[in-house]
Each structure stands twice: as structure tokens, then as C-alpha cells.
Amino acid sequence: MAECKYYASLSKPLRDNRINRSRIDAPRGFATFCWCEHPKHSPIDKFEATKTLGGGHRLKCEGQLGKCEISDKYDDIF
């Protein structure tokens, strides 16, 4: 569970472009995208996380305040 109030995430199903009809109902995987909703100092915003390749894995804190990338740099975080 995330502790940070600015941490947000979204899970999306992966698109299945297979042509083989026997695999149409096969379960697809899910991708999880994480971003920071801080209004001033967000290192990864929602657009970057969900629309760029690998963007969903660029936020290193995973919602834990101890791993926050911006808390050391700015005083007006929380």
C-alpha cells in the first residue's frame, strides 16, 4: 500500500494482436503504470508514465516516502 498522497497507479490490459483464432480468448497480461501527482515537482507525470515506452517503471519510490526522489531537493513537498 502506498503511503504518499501524490502516488498514483493504473493497470491496463495489454493488447493482443495475435491472428491465431484459437488464442483469441487466451488471457492477456496487464501493465501497471505509476506516476507522481505532485503539482510542482513531479518527476514522472501521468502522460509520461502511460504514453511513453517504459514510462510506467521510471518512478522509483513506489509510493514509499522513504524512497521519494524529490523530498531531498524541495521543502514544499508535503
Protein backbone atom coordinates (compact mmCIF):
# COMPACT_ATOMS: atom_id res chain seq x y z
CA MET A 1 0.00 0.00 0.00
CA ALA A 2 1.33 3.41 -0.94
CA GLU A 3 1.98 5.96 1.83
CA CYS A 4 2.45 9.01 -0.37
CA LYS A 5 -0.64 11.04 -1.20
CA TYR A 6 0.82 12.00 -4.60
CA TYR A 7 1.49 8.43 -5.76
CA ALA A 8 -0.93 7.14 -8.39
CA SER A 9 -1.05 3.99 -10.48
CA LEU A 10 -3.14 2.44 -13.21
CA SER A 11 -3.31 -1.10 -14.61
CA LYS A 12 -4.17 -1.58 -18.26
CA PRO A 13 -4.69 -4.81 -20.17
CA LEU A 14 -2.09 -5.48 -22.83
CA ARG A 15 -3.43 -5.57 -26.36
CA ASP A 16 -3.44 -8.95 -28.02
CA ASN A 17 -2.70 -8.74 -31.73
CA ARG A 18 -2.37 -12.47 -32.37
CA ILE A 19 -4.02 -13.71 -35.54
CA ASN A 20 -4.46 -17.33 -34.45
CA ARG A 21 -8.19 -17.68 -33.64
CA SER A 22 -7.57 -20.42 -31.08
CA ARG A 23 -5.83 -17.87 -28.88
CA ILE A 24 -8.44 -15.11 -29.02
CA ASP A 25 -9.83 -15.94 -25.57
CA ALA A 26 -6.41 -16.52 -24.03
CA PRO A 27 -5.74 -14.27 -21.05
CA ARG A 28 -3.75 -11.18 -21.80
CA GLY A 29 -1.30 -9.65 -19.40
CA PHE A 30 -1.63 -6.36 -17.57
CA ALA A 31 0.79 -3.46 -17.43
CA THR A 32 0.97 -1.20 -14.38
CA PHE A 33 1.83 2.47 -14.78
CA CYS A 34 2.89 4.61 -11.81
CA TRP A 35 3.31 8.38 -11.64
CA CYS A 36 3.58 11.28 -9.19
CA GLU A 37 0.71 13.78 -8.95
CA HIS A 38 2.68 16.49 -7.15
CA PRO A 39 1.57 19.79 -8.72
CA LYS A 40 5.05 21.40 -8.90
CA HIS A 41 7.83 18.81 -8.74
CA SER A 42 6.55 15.60 -10.28
CA PRO A 43 9.48 13.60 -11.73
CA ILE A 44 7.06 11.49 -13.84
CA ASP A 45 3.62 12.80 -14.74
CA LYS A 46 0.65 10.72 -15.89
CA PHE A 47 1.25 11.42 -19.59
CA GLU A 48 4.90 10.31 -19.37
CA ALA A 49 4.02 7.19 -17.40
CA THR A 50 1.19 5.99 -19.62
CA LYS A 51 2.21 7.13 -23.10
CA THR A 52 5.98 6.65 -23.34
CA LEU A 53 7.80 3.36 -23.68
CA GLY A 54 8.93 2.19 -20.23
CA GLY A 55 7.35 5.20 -18.53
CA GLY A 56 5.41 3.10 -16.07
CA HIS A 57 8.59 1.85 -14.41
CA ARG A 58 10.51 5.11 -14.14
CA LEU A 59 9.11 6.21 -10.76
CA LYS A 60 11.49 4.63 -8.25
CA CYS A 61 9.71 5.43 -4.98
CA GLU A 62 6.77 3.01 -5.47
CA GLY A 63 4.71 5.27 -3.18
CA GLN A 64 7.06 4.94 -0.18
CA LEU A 65 8.05 8.24 1.42
CA GLY A 66 11.50 6.92 2.35
CA LYS A 67 12.35 6.44 -1.34
CA CYS A 68 10.90 9.76 -2.55
CA GLU A 69 13.02 11.24 -5.35
CA ILE A 70 12.03 14.85 -4.71
CA SER A 71 11.83 15.11 -0.90
CA ASP A 72 15.58 15.81 -0.60
CA LYS A 73 15.52 18.57 -3.21
CA TYR A 74 12.45 20.62 -2.22
CA ASP A 75 11.00 21.79 1.10
CA ASP A 76 7.38 22.28 -0.03
CA ILE A 77 6.67 18.62 -0.81
CA PHE A 78 4.26 17.60 1.94
